[in-house]
Protein backbone atom coordinates (compact mmCIF):
# COMPACT_ATOMS: atom_id res chain seq x y z
CA MET A 1 1.24 -149.81 -69.66
CA LYS A 2 4.14 -148.40 -71.66
CA ARG A 3 5.81 -147.24 -68.45
CA LEU A 4 5.52 -150.74 -66.95
CA ILE A 5 7.10 -152.32 -70.03
CA ASP A 6 9.94 -149.79 -69.94
CA LEU A 7 10.46 -150.58 -66.27
CA PHE A 8 10.86 -154.31 -67.01
CA LYS A 9 13.32 -153.57 -69.81
CA ASN A 10 15.54 -151.64 -67.40
CA LYS A 11 18.42 -153.94 -66.42
CA PHE A 12 19.01 -152.18 -63.09
CA PHE A 13 15.40 -152.74 -62.06
CA LEU A 14 15.59 -156.41 -63.04
CA VAL A 15 18.86 -156.91 -61.16
CA THR A 16 17.38 -155.22 -58.10
CA ILE A 17 14.27 -157.41 -58.23
CA ALA A 18 16.38 -160.55 -58.74
CA PHE A 19 18.60 -159.58 -55.81
CA ALA A 20 15.58 -158.93 -53.58
CA VAL A 21 13.98 -162.27 -54.50
CA TRP A 22 17.28 -164.05 -53.89
CA MET A 23 17.79 -162.45 -50.47
CA ILE A 24 14.19 -162.87 -49.31
CA PHE A 25 13.46 -166.41 -50.51
CA LEU A 26 16.52 -168.28 -51.78
CA ASP A 27 19.44 -167.34 -49.53
CA LYS A 28 20.48 -169.50 -46.57
CA ASP A 29 19.56 -166.57 -44.30
CA ASP A 30 16.14 -165.90 -45.83
CA LEU A 31 13.22 -164.40 -43.93
CA TYR A 32 11.96 -167.75 -42.62
CA SER A 33 15.40 -168.67 -41.29
CA GLN A 34 15.72 -165.28 -39.63
CA TYR A 35 12.30 -165.73 -38.02
CA THR A 36 13.14 -169.18 -36.64
CA LYS A 37 16.54 -168.01 -35.41
CA HIS A 38 14.92 -165.06 -33.66
CA ASN A 39 12.45 -167.39 -31.94
CA GLN A 40 15.32 -169.64 -30.85
CA VAL A 41 17.16 -166.63 -29.41
CA VAL A 42 14.07 -165.58 -27.46
CA GLU A 43 13.61 -169.09 -26.05
CA LEU A 44 17.28 -169.36 -25.13
CA GLU A 45 17.16 -165.99 -23.37
CA LYS A 46 14.15 -167.16 -21.35
CA GLN A 47 16.00 -170.36 -20.47
CA ARG A 48 19.11 -168.37 -19.51
CA ASP A 49 17.09 -166.09 -17.23
CA PHE A 50 15.46 -169.09 -15.57
CA LEU A 51 18.81 -170.81 -15.05
CA LEU A 52 20.36 -167.64 -13.64
CA LYS A 53 17.53 -167.40 -11.11
CA GLU A 54 17.96 -171.07 -10.23
CA THR A 55 21.72 -170.63 -9.83
CA HIS A 56 21.17 -167.65 -7.55
CA GLN A 57 18.67 -169.62 -5.45
CA VAL A 58 20.98 -172.64 -5.19
CA SER A 59 23.94 -170.51 -4.16
CA LYS A 60 21.76 -168.83 -1.53
CA ASP A 61 20.66 -172.24 -0.22
CA LEU A 62 24.27 -173.43 -0.17
CA ASP A 63 25.31 -170.42 1.89
CA GLU A 64 22.49 -171.16 4.34
CA LEU A 65 23.51 -174.82 4.59
CA ASN A 66 27.15 -173.92 5.19
CA SER A 67 26.34 -171.34 7.85
CA ASN A 68 23.51 -173.04 9.76
CA PRO A 69 24.05 -176.62 11.06
CA GLU A 70 20.34 -177.01 11.87
CA LYS A 71 19.43 -176.31 8.24
CA LEU A 72 22.09 -178.78 7.11
CA GLU A 73 20.67 -181.50 9.36
CA LYS A 74 17.11 -180.78 8.17
CA PHE A 75 18.23 -180.88 4.53
CA ALA A 76 20.08 -184.18 5.02
CA ARG A 77 17.11 -185.75 6.78
CA GLU A 78 14.55 -184.63 4.19
CA LYS A 79 16.51 -185.02 0.99
CA TYR A 80 18.72 -188.04 1.67
CA LEU A 81 16.70 -189.76 4.44
CA MET A 82 19.65 -189.68 6.82
CA LYS A 83 19.06 -190.55 10.45
CA LYS A 84 20.74 -190.80 13.80
CA ASP A 85 21.86 -194.22 15.07
CA ASN A 86 18.99 -194.68 17.51
CA GLU A 87 16.21 -193.51 15.15
CA ASP A 88 13.88 -195.30 12.78
CA ILE A 89 12.49 -193.61 9.67
CA PHE A 90 9.11 -194.36 8.20
CA VAL A 91 8.53 -193.05 4.69
CA ILE A 92 4.90 -192.52 3.78
CA VAL A 93 4.17 -192.43 0.06
CA ARG A 94 0.75 -191.17 -0.87
CA LYS A 95 -0.80 -192.35 -4.09
CA LYS A 96 -2.36 -189.79 -6.36
CA LYS A 97 -6.04 -190.16 -7.09
CA GLU A 98 -6.71 -191.52 -10.55
CA GLU A 99 -9.15 -189.42 -12.50
């Protein structure tokens, strides 16, 4: 017990404890903030990886469309409902079953 009282009378120990409490709980970059920032970084890295994959896929599709006129015609017909002058297009929309 005497040793514990002497420890709390030591100004260096008290300053160290106060500094630790300040840095862990009261600072703007406390442990909770660091945890949330780390989670944000992880989510942003996942999003970046997804977008890089999407960008790669889109650039690959663009190269195919630029090099192959048949693919370009198919893409225009499916995506933008384009047609030749003597054609008629019928769009069939299927309703989803309500559950």
